[in-house]
């Protein structure tokens, strides 16, 4: 499986988990933006970047970390490492 398909699978897994909680969410197709998934739930907006593998820091993630957001917006990194089915979630 190529890297794009592997990453997309992880993103869809995150979408399914949020939707199971009753959240409204959307995936950024192609992932050319600063975040991969947008979620609205319980008065908050979550901007989520999904990464898989050992090396996960890149230019987009560096910009995402620096992005200033309002009080009700949460930036999160979902990092999957090899062999894990659940991600480590980091608040940015």
PDB file of N, CA and C in Angstrom:
ATOM      1  N   UNK A   1       0.855  -1.174   0.000  1.00  0.00           N
ATOM      2  CA  UNK A   1       0.000   0.000   0.000  1.00  0.00           C
ATOM      3  C   UNK A   1       0.903   1.240   0.000  1.00  0.00           C
ATOM      4  N   UNK A   2       0.565   2.216  -0.841  1.00  0.00           N
ATOM      5  CA  UNK A   2       1.404   3.414  -0.883  1.00  0.00           C
ATOM      6  C   UNK A   2       1.114   4.336   0.304  1.00  0.00           C
ATOM      7  N   UNK A   3       1.974   5.338   0.474  1.00  0.00           N
ATOM      8  CA  UNK A   3       1.880   6.221   1.648  1.00  0.00           C
ATOM      9  C   UNK A   3       0.590   7.033   1.665  1.00  0.00           C
ATOM     10  N   UNK A   4       0.136   7.470   0.470  1.00  0.00           N
ATOM     11  CA  UNK A   4      -1.100   8.252   0.423  1.00  0.00           C
ATOM     12  C   UNK A   4      -2.275   7.421   0.928  1.00  0.00           C
ATOM     13  N   UNK A   5      -2.404   6.185   0.433  1.00  0.00           N
ATOM     14  CA  UNK A   5      -3.511   5.327   0.851  1.00  0.00           C
ATOM     15  C   UNK A   5      -3.439   5.012   2.340  1.00  0.00           C
ATOM     16  N   UNK A   6      -2.235   4.769   2.825  1.00  0.00           N
ATOM     17  CA  UNK A   6      -2.054   4.475   4.248  1.00  0.00           C
ATOM     18  C   UNK A   6      -2.492   5.667   5.098  1.00  0.00           C
ATOM     19  N   UNK A   7      -2.066   6.867   4.701  1.00  0.00           N
ATOM     20  CA  UNK A   7      -2.457   8.074   5.430  1.00  0.00           C
ATOM     21  C   UNK A   7      -3.947   8.333   5.358  1.00  0.00           C
ATOM     22  N   UNK A   8      -4.535   8.106   4.186  1.00  0.00           N
ATOM     23  CA  UNK A   8      -5.973   8.319   4.018  1.00  0.00           C
ATOM     24  C   UNK A   8      -6.759   7.361   4.905  1.00  0.00           C
ATOM     25  N   UNK A   9      -6.292   6.130   5.030  1.00  0.00           N
ATOM     26  CA  UNK A   9      -6.964   5.170   5.912  1.00  0.00           C
ATOM     27  C   UNK A   9      -6.983   5.656   7.354  1.00  0.00           C
ATOM     28  N   UNK A  10      -5.864   6.210   7.794  1.00  0.00           N
ATOM     29  CA  UNK A  10      -5.793   6.737   9.163  1.00  0.00           C
ATOM     30  C   UNK A  10      -6.751   7.915   9.326  1.00  0.00           C
ATOM     31  N   UNK A  11      -6.801   8.786   8.314  1.00  0.00           N
ATOM     32  CA  UNK A  11      -7.698   9.932   8.383  1.00  0.00           C
ATOM     33  C   UNK A  11      -9.159   9.483   8.454  1.00  0.00           C
ATOM     34  N   UNK A  12      -9.528   8.485   7.666  1.00  0.00           N
ATOM     35  CA  UNK A  12     -10.904   7.977   7.715  1.00  0.00           C
ATOM     36  C   UNK A  12     -11.216   7.333   9.059  1.00  0.00           C
ATOM     37  N   UNK A  13     -10.237   6.698   9.679  1.00  0.00           N
ATOM     38  CA  UNK A  13     -10.442   6.114  11.010  1.00  0.00           C
ATOM     39  C   UNK A  13     -10.743   7.219  12.025  1.00  0.00           C
ATOM     40  N   UNK A  14     -10.024   8.337  11.931  1.00  0.00           N
ATOM     41  CA  UNK A  14     -10.269   9.473  12.831  1.00  0.00           C
ATOM     42  C   UNK A  14     -11.669  10.041  12.575  1.00  0.00           C
ATOM     43  N   UNK A  15     -12.041  10.169  11.299  1.00  0.00           N
ATOM     44  CA  UNK A  15     -13.390  10.656  10.965  1.00  0.00           C
ATOM     45  C   UNK A  15     -14.463   9.766  11.565  1.00  0.00           C
ATOM     46  N   UNK A  16     -14.316   8.459  11.422  1.00  0.00           N
ATOM     47  CA  UNK A  16     -15.311   7.529  11.965  1.00  0.00           C
ATOM     48  C   UNK A  16     -15.444   7.671  13.480  1.00  0.00           C
ATOM     49  N   UNK A  17     -14.320   7.831  14.159  1.00  0.00           N
ATOM     50  CA  UNK A  17     -14.345   7.970  15.621  1.00  0.00           C
ATOM     51  C   UNK A  17     -15.092   9.239  16.031  1.00  0.00           C
ATOM     52  N   UNK A  18     -14.821  10.352  15.359  1.00  0.00           N
ATOM     53  CA  UNK A  18     -15.507  11.596  15.690  1.00  0.00           C
ATOM     54  C   UNK A  18     -16.995  11.514  15.363  1.00  0.00           C
ATOM     55  N   UNK A  19     -17.310  10.934  14.207  1.00  0.00           N
ATOM     56  CA  UNK A  19     -18.729  10.823  13.826  1.00  0.00           C
ATOM     57  C   UNK A  19     -19.496   9.942  14.802  1.00  0.00           C
ATOM     58  N   UNK A  20     -18.840   8.936  15.348  1.00  0.00           N
ATOM     59  CA  UNK A  20     -19.478   8.066  16.343  1.00  0.00           C
ATOM     60  C   UNK A  20     -19.841   8.854  17.600  1.00  0.00           C
ATOM     61  N   UNK A  21     -19.146   9.949  17.844  1.00  0.00           N
ATOM     62  CA  UNK A  21     -19.437  10.823  18.998  1.00  0.00           C
ATOM     63  C   UNK A  21     -20.495  11.865  18.666  1.00  0.00           C
ATOM     64  N   UNK A  22     -20.984  11.862  17.425  1.00  0.00           N
ATOM     65  CA  UNK A  22     -22.006  12.818  17.023  1.00  0.00           C
ATOM     66  C   UNK A  22     -21.467  14.116  16.459  1.00  0.00           C
ATOM     67  N   UNK A  23     -20.195  14.167  16.139  1.00  0.00           N
ATOM     68  CA  UNK A  23     -19.579  15.388  15.618  1.00  0.00           C
ATOM     69  C   UNK A  23     -19.829  15.544  14.124  1.00  0.00           C
ATOM     70  N   UNK A  24     -19.797  16.789  13.665  1.00  0.00           N
ATOM     71  CA  UNK A  24     -19.809  17.086  12.234  1.00  0.00           C
ATOM     72  C   UNK A  24     -18.365  17.256  11.815  1.00  0.00           C
ATOM     73  N   UNK A  25     -17.955  16.562  10.759  1.00  0.00           N
ATOM     74  CA  UNK A  25     -16.557  16.664  10.362  1.00  0.00           C
ATOM     75  C   UNK A  25     -16.384  16.486   8.863  1.00  0.00           C
ATOM     76  N   UNK A  26     -15.233  16.959   8.382  1.00  0.00           N
ATOM     77  CA  UNK A  26     -14.899  16.877   6.963  1.00  0.00           C
ATOM     78  C   UNK A  26     -13.408  16.635   6.809  1.00  0.00           C
ATOM     79  N   UNK A  27     -13.073  15.875   5.776  1.00  0.00           N
ATOM     80  CA  UNK A  27     -11.678  15.577   5.459  1.00  0.00           C
ATOM     81  C   UNK A  27     -11.251  16.465   4.301  1.00  0.00           C
ATOM     82  N   UNK A  28     -10.058  17.012   4.398  1.00  0.00           N
ATOM     83  CA  UNK A  28      -9.488  17.818   3.332  1.00  0.00           C
ATOM     84  C   UNK A  28      -8.851  16.874   2.310  1.00  0.00           C
ATOM     85  N   UNK A  29      -9.517  16.653   1.197  1.00  0.00           N
ATOM     86  CA  UNK A  29      -9.011  15.718   0.181  1.00  0.00           C
ATOM     87  C   UNK A  29      -7.663  16.191  -0.356  1.00  0.00           C
ATOM     88  N   UNK A  30      -6.732  15.282  -0.452  1.00  0.00           N
ATOM     89  CA  UNK A  30      -5.405  15.620  -0.955  1.00  0.00           C
ATOM     90  C   UNK A  30      -4.476  16.129   0.119  1.00  0.00           C
ATOM     91  N   UNK A  31      -5.026  16.602   1.220  1.00  0.00           N
ATOM     92  CA  UNK A  31      -4.241  17.064   2.368  1.00  0.00           C
ATOM     93  C   UNK A  31      -3.152  18.062   2.001  1.00  0.00           C
ATOM     94  N   UNK A  32      -3.513  19.067   1.215  1.00  0.00           N
ATOM     95  CA  UNK A  32      -2.532  20.087   0.860  1.00  0.00           C
ATOM     96  C   UNK A  32      -2.593  21.298   1.784  1.00  0.00           C
ATOM     97  N   UNK A  33      -3.496  21.267   2.754  1.00  0.00           N
ATOM     98  CA  UNK A  33      -3.620  22.382   3.686  1.00  0.00           C
ATOM     99  C   UNK A  33      -2.842  22.126   4.958  1.00  0.00           C
ATOM    100  N   UNK A  34      -3.031  22.993   5.938  1.00  0.00           N
ATOM    101  CA  UNK A  34      -2.318  22.856   7.205  1.00  0.00           C
ATOM    102  C   UNK A  34      -2.910  21.761   8.075  1.00  0.00           C
ATOM    103  N   UNK A  35      -4.183  21.429   7.878  1.00  0.00           N
ATOM    104  CA  UNK A  35      -4.793  20.348   8.650  1.00  0.00           C
ATOM    105  C   UNK A  35      -5.527  19.411   7.696  1.00  0.00           C
ATOM    106  N   UNK A  36      -5.736  18.181   8.169  1.00  0.00           N
ATOM    107  CA  UNK A  36      -6.359  17.141   7.358  1.00  0.00           C
ATOM    108  C   UNK A  36      -7.858  17.027   7.601  1.00  0.00           C
ATOM    109  N   UNK A  37      -8.279  17.290   8.840  1.00  0.00           N
ATOM    110  CA  UNK A  37      -9.670  17.087   9.225  1.00  0.00           C
ATOM    111  C   UNK A  37     -10.160  18.278  10.042  1.00  0.00           C
ATOM    112  N   UNK A  38     -11.383  18.710   9.750  1.00  0.00           N
ATOM    113  CA  UNK A  38     -12.057  19.755  10.528  1.00  0.00           C
ATOM    114  C   UNK A  38     -13.247  19.117  11.233  1.00  0.00           C
ATOM    115  N   UNK A  39     -13.381  19.414  12.517  1.00  0.00           N
ATOM    116  CA  UNK A  39     -14.456  18.821  13.317  1.00  0.00           C
ATOM    117  C   UNK A  39     -15.153  19.925  14.102  1.00  0.00           C
ATOM    118  N   UNK A  40     -16.486  19.846  14.168  1.00  0.00           N
ATOM    119  CA  UNK A  40     -17.270  20.743  15.021  1.00  0.00           C
ATOM    120  C   UNK A  40     -18.022  19.854  16.005  1.00  0.00           C
ATOM    121  N   UNK A  41     -17.779  20.115  17.303  1.00  0.00           N
ATOM    122  CA  UNK A  41     -18.417  19.284  18.327  1.00  0.00           C
ATOM    123  C   UNK A  41     -18.461  20.038  19.659  1.00  0.00           C
ATOM    124  N   UNK A  42     -19.620  20.050  20.270  1.00  0.00           N
ATOM    125  CA  UNK A  42     -19.824  20.659  21.586  1.00  0.00           C
ATOM    126  C   UNK A  42     -19.308  22.095  21.686  1.00  0.00           C
ATOM    127  N   UNK A  43     -19.550  22.893  20.663  1.00  0.00           N
ATOM    128  CA  UNK A  43     -19.155  24.298  20.691  1.00  0.00           C
ATOM    129  C   UNK A  43     -17.688  24.557  20.364  1.00  0.00           C
ATOM    130  N   UNK A  44     -16.963  23.531  20.015  1.00  0.00           N
ATOM    131  CA  UNK A  44     -15.546  23.669  19.669  1.00  0.00           C
ATOM    132  C   UNK A  44     -15.315  23.280  18.219  1.00  0.00           C
ATOM    133  N   UNK A  45     -14.271  23.848  17.656  1.00  0.00           N
ATOM    134  CA  UNK A  45     -13.785  23.451  16.341  1.00  0.00           C
ATOM    135  C   UNK A  45     -12.431  22.793  16.573  1.00  0.00           C
ATOM    136  N   UNK A  46     -12.248  21.618  16.010  1.00  0.00           N
ATOM    137  CA  UNK A  46     -10.985  20.894  16.111  1.00  0.00           C
ATOM    138  C   UNK A  46     -10.352  20.846  14.732  1.00  0.00           C
ATOM    139  N   UNK A  47      -9.120  21.295  14.641  1.00  0.00           N
ATOM    140  CA  UNK A  47      -8.341  21.198  13.415  1.00  0.00           C
ATOM    141  C   UNK A  47      -7.320  20.099  13.663  1.00  0.00           C
ATOM    142  N   UNK A  48      -7.369  19.056  12.863  1.00  0.00           N
ATOM    143  CA  UNK A  48      -6.588  17.857  13.149  1.00  0.00           C
ATOM    144  C   UNK A  48      -5.631  17.532  12.015  1.00  0.00           C
ATOM    145  N   UNK A  49      -4.385  17.330  12.363  1.00  0.00           N
ATOM    146  CA  UNK A  49      -3.363  16.850  11.435  1.00  0.00           C
ATOM    147  C   UNK A  49      -3.098  15.396  11.801  1.00  0.00           C
ATOM    148  N   UNK A  50      -3.143  14.494  10.809  1.00  0.00           N
ATOM    149  CA  UNK A  50      -2.925  13.072  11.037  1.00  0.00           C
ATOM    150  C   UNK A  50      -1.587  12.686  10.419  1.00  0.00           C
ATOM    151  N   UNK A  51      -0.739  12.048  11.211  1.00  0.00           N
ATOM    152  CA  UNK A  51       0.579  11.604  10.738  1.00  0.00           C
ATOM    153  C   UNK A  51       0.766  10.140  11.087  1.00  0.00           C
ATOM    154  N   UNK A  52       1.489   9.432  10.226  1.00  0.00           N
ATOM    155  CA  UNK A  52       1.805   8.026  10.463  1.00  0.00           C
ATOM    156  C   UNK A  52       3.297   7.817  10.236  1.00  0.00           C
ATOM    157  N   UNK A  53       3.887   6.956  11.037  1.00  0.00           N
ATOM    158  CA  UNK A  53       5.302   6.645  10.867  1.00  0.00           C
ATOM    159  C   UNK A  53       6.175   7.335  11.892  1.00  0.00           C
ATOM    160  N   UNK A  54       7.474   7.114  11.750  1.00  0.00           N
ATOM    161  CA  UNK A  54       8.432   7.667  12.715  1.00  0.00           C
ATOM    162  C   UNK A  54       8.618   9.169  12.559  1.00  0.00           C
ATOM    163  N   UNK A  55       9.014   9.610  11.378  1.00  0.00           N
ATOM    164  CA  UNK A  55       9.274  11.033  11.168  1.00  0.00           C
ATOM    165  C   UNK A  55       7.965  11.722  10.791  1.00  0.00           C
ATOM    166  N   UNK A  56       7.512  12.614  11.626  1.00  0.00           N
ATOM    167  CA  UNK A  56       6.243  13.276  11.329  1.00  0.00           C
ATOM    168  C   UNK A  56       6.334  14.790  11.297  1.00  0.00           C
ATOM    169  N   UNK A  57       7.474  15.361  11.548  1.00  0.00           N
ATOM    170  CA  UNK A  57       7.599  16.820  11.513  1.00  0.00           C
ATOM    171  C   UNK A  57       7.933  17.253  10.084  1.00  0.00           C
ATOM    172  N   UNK A  58       7.146  18.166   9.523  1.00  0.00           N
ATOM    173  CA  UNK A  58       7.417  18.696   8.195  1.00  0.00           C
ATOM    174  C   UNK A  58       7.061  20.179   8.183  1.00  0.00           C
ATOM    175  N   UNK A  59       7.216  20.822   7.034  1.00  0.00           N
ATOM    176  CA  UNK A  59       6.974  22.270   6.942  1.00  0.00           C
ATOM    177  C   UNK A  59       5.521  22.610   7.272  1.00  0.00           C
ATOM    178  N   UNK A  60       4.572  21.821   6.759  1.00  0.00           N
ATOM    179  CA  UNK A  60       3.154  22.080   7.047  1.00  0.00           C
ATOM    180  C   UNK A  60       2.857  21.983   8.533  1.00  0.00           C
ATOM    181  N   UNK A  61       3.418  20.971   9.176  1.00  0.00           N
ATOM    182  CA  UNK A  61       3.170  20.799  10.608  1.00  0.00           C
ATOM    183  C   UNK A  61       3.794  21.944  11.405  1.00  0.00           C
ATOM    184  N   UNK A  62       4.955  22.404  10.994  1.00  0.00           N
ATOM    185  CA  UNK A  62       5.593  23.537  11.672  1.00  0.00           C
ATOM    186  C   UNK A  62       4.708  24.787  11.569  1.00  0.00           C
ATOM    187  N   UNK A  63       4.143  25.033  10.398  1.00  0.00           N
ATOM    188  CA  UNK A  63       3.232  26.174  10.227  1.00  0.00           C
ATOM    189  C   UNK A  63       1.950  25.985  11.042  1.00  0.00           C
ATOM    190  N   UNK A  64       1.460  24.763  11.072  1.00  0.00           N
ATOM    191  CA  UNK A  64       0.247  24.446  11.832  1.00  0.00           C
ATOM    192  C   UNK A  64       0.467  24.708  13.317  1.00  0.00           C
ATOM    193  N   UNK A  65       1.630  24.331  13.822  1.00  0.00           N
ATOM    194  CA  UNK A  65       1.947  24.569  15.235  1.00  0.00           C
ATOM    195  C   UNK A  65       1.917  26.061  15.565  1.00  0.00           C
ATOM    196  N   UNK A  66       2.383  26.898  14.640  1.00  0.00           N
ATOM    197  CA  UNK A  66       2.470  28.347  14.871  1.00  0.00           C
ATOM    198  C   UNK A  66       1.148  29.075  14.642  1.00  0.00           C
ATOM    199  N   UNK A  67       0.191  28.419  14.014  1.00  0.00           N
ATOM    200  CA  UNK A  67      -1.076  29.042  13.675  1.00  0.00           C
ATOM    201  C   UNK A  67      -1.805  29.529  14.936  1.00  0.00           C
ATOM    202  N   UNK A  68      -2.170  30.796  14.946  1.00  0.00           N
ATOM    203  CA  UNK A  68      -2.932  31.379  16.053  1.00  0.00           C
ATOM    204  C   UNK A  68      -4.413  31.107  15.825  1.00  0.00           C
ATOM    205  N   UNK A  69      -5.080  30.631  16.869  1.00  0.00           N
ATOM    206  CA  UNK A  69      -6.503  30.309  16.757  1.00  0.00           C
ATOM    207  C   UNK A  69      -7.268  30.917  17.923  1.00  0.00           C
ATOM    208  N   UNK A  70      -8.581  30.980  17.784  1.00  0.00           N
ATOM    209  CA  UNK A  70      -9.449  31.516  18.838  1.00  0.00           C
ATOM    210  C   UNK A  70      -9.597  30.524  19.975  1.00  0.00           C
ATOM    211  N   UNK A  71     -10.203  30.980  21.061  1.00  0.00           N
ATOM    212  CA  UNK A  71     -10.374  30.166  22.275  1.00  0.00           C
ATOM    213  C   UNK A  71     -11.117  28.866  22.040  1.00  0.00           C
ATOM    214  N   UNK A  72     -12.109  28.887  21.151  1.00  0.00           N
ATOM    215  CA  UNK A  72     -12.934  27.690  20.953  1.00  0.00           C
ATOM    216  C   UNK A  72     -12.384  26.769  19.854  1.00  0.00           C
ATOM    217  N   UNK A  73     -11.171  27.022  19.402  1.00  0.00           N
ATOM    218  CA  UNK A  73     -10.552  26.192  18.368  1.00  0.00           C
ATOM    219  C   UNK A  73      -9.395  25.419  18.990  1.00  0.00           C
ATOM    220  N   UNK A  74      -9.376  24.124  18.738  1.00  0.00           N
ATOM    221  CA  UNK A  74      -8.312  23.248  19.236  1.00  0.00           C
ATOM    222  C   UNK A  74      -7.528  22.693  18.063  1.00  0.00           C
ATOM    223  N   UNK A  75      -6.220  22.747  18.155  1.00  0.00           N
ATOM    224  CA  UNK A  75      -5.350  22.134  17.141  1.00  0.00           C
ATOM    225  C   UNK A  75      -4.812  20.837  17.733  1.00  0.00           C
ATOM    226  N   UNK A  76      -4.930  19.764  16.983  1.00  0.00           N
ATOM    227  CA  UNK A  76      -4.475  18.473  17.486  1.00  0.00           C
ATOM    228  C   UNK A  76      -3.676  17.725  16.419  1.00  0.00           C
ATOM    229  N   UNK A  77      -2.692  16.965  16.900  1.00  0.00           N
ATOM    230  CA  UNK A  77      -1.910  16.073  16.056  1.00  0.00           C
ATOM    231  C   UNK A  77      -2.247  14.651  16.474  1.00  0.00           C
ATOM    232  N   UNK A  78      -2.716  13.842  15.537  1.00  0.00           N
ATOM    233  CA  UNK A  78      -2.963  12.418  15.762  1.00  0.00           C
ATOM    234  C   UNK A  78      -1.789  11.688  15.114  1.00  0.00           C
ATOM    235  N   UNK A  79      -0.952  11.084  15.930  1.00  0.00           N
ATOM    236  CA  UNK A  79       0.246  10.417  15.406  1.00  0.00           C
ATOM    237  C   UNK A  79       0.149   8.910  15.592  1.00  0.00           C
ATOM    238  N   UNK A  80       0.148   8.201  14.474  1.00  0.00           N
ATOM    239  CA  UNK A  80       0.131   6.741  14.476  1.00  0.00           C
ATOM    240  C   UNK A  80       1.558   6.242  14.288  1.00  0.00           C
ATOM    241  N   UNK A  81       2.005   5.354  15.144  1.00  0.00           N
ATOM    242  CA  UNK A  81       3.301   4.718  14.937  1.00  0.00           C
ATOM    243  C   UNK A  81       3.060   3.296  14.464  1.00  0.00           C
ATOM    244  N   UNK A  82       4.068   2.739  13.841  1.00  0.00           N
ATOM    245  CA  UNK A  82       3.943   1.413  13.219  1.00  0.00           C
ATOM    246  C   UNK A  82       3.394   0.374  14.197  1.00  0.00           C
ATOM    247  N   UNK A  83       2.391  -0.356  13.732  1.00  0.00           N
ATOM    248  CA  UNK A  83       1.822  -1.426  14.533  1.00  0.00           C
ATOM    249  C   UNK A  83       0.734  -1.004  15.500  1.00  0.00           C
ATOM    250  N   UNK A  84       0.516   0.297  15.657  1.00  0.00           N
ATOM    251  CA  UNK A  84      -0.523   0.768  16.580  1.00  0.00           C
ATOM    252  C   UNK A  84      -1.816   1.034  15.851  1.00  0.00           C
ATOM    253  N   UNK A  85      -2.925   0.689  16.479  1.00  0.00           N
ATOM    254  CA  UNK A  85      -4.229   0.949  15.885  1.00  0.00           C
ATOM    255  C   UNK A  85      -4.852   2.225  16.417  1.00  0.00           C
ATOM    256  N   UNK A  86      -4.344   2.707  17.545  1.00  0.00           N
ATOM    257  CA  UNK A  86      -4.841   3.964  18.117  1.00  0.00           C
ATOM    258  C   UNK A  86      -3.720   4.996  18.089  1.00  0.00           C
ATOM    259  N   UNK A  87      -4.060   6.245  17.769  1.00  0.00           N
ATOM    260  CA  UNK A  87      -3.028   7.277  17.683  1.00  0.00           C
ATOM    261  C   UNK A  87      -2.704   7.885  19.047  1.00  0.00           C
ATOM    262  N   UNK A  88      -1.525   8.477  19.126  1.00  0.00           N
ATOM    263  CA  UNK A  88      -1.176   9.330  20.258  1.00  0.00           C
ATOM    264  C   UNK A  88      -1.685  10.709  19.867  1.00  0.00           C
ATOM    265  N   UNK A  89      -2.461  11.334  20.738  1.00  0.00           N
ATOM    266  CA  UNK A  89      -3.062  12.625  20.422  1.00  0.00           C
ATOM    267  C   UNK A  89      -2.335  13.706  21.196  1.00  0.00           C
ATOM    268  N   UNK A  90      -1.866  14.702  20.456  1.00  0.00           N
ATOM    269  CA  UNK A  90      -1.118  15.810  21.054  1.00  0.00           C
ATOM    270  C   UNK A  90      -1.858  17.120  20.793  1.00  0.00           C
ATOM    271  N   UNK A  91      -2.116  17.876  21.861  1.00  0.00           N
ATOM    272  CA  UNK A  91      -2.681  19.220  21.729  1.00  0.00           C
ATOM    273  C   UNK A  91      -1.559  20.149  21.314  1.00  0.00           C
ATOM    274  N   UNK A  92      -1.807  20.940  20.288  1.00  0.00           N
ATOM    275  CA  UNK A  92      -0.773  21.866  19.812  1.00  0.00           C
ATOM    276  C   UNK A  92      -1.083  23.293  20.239  1.00  0.00           C
TER     277      UNK A  92
END
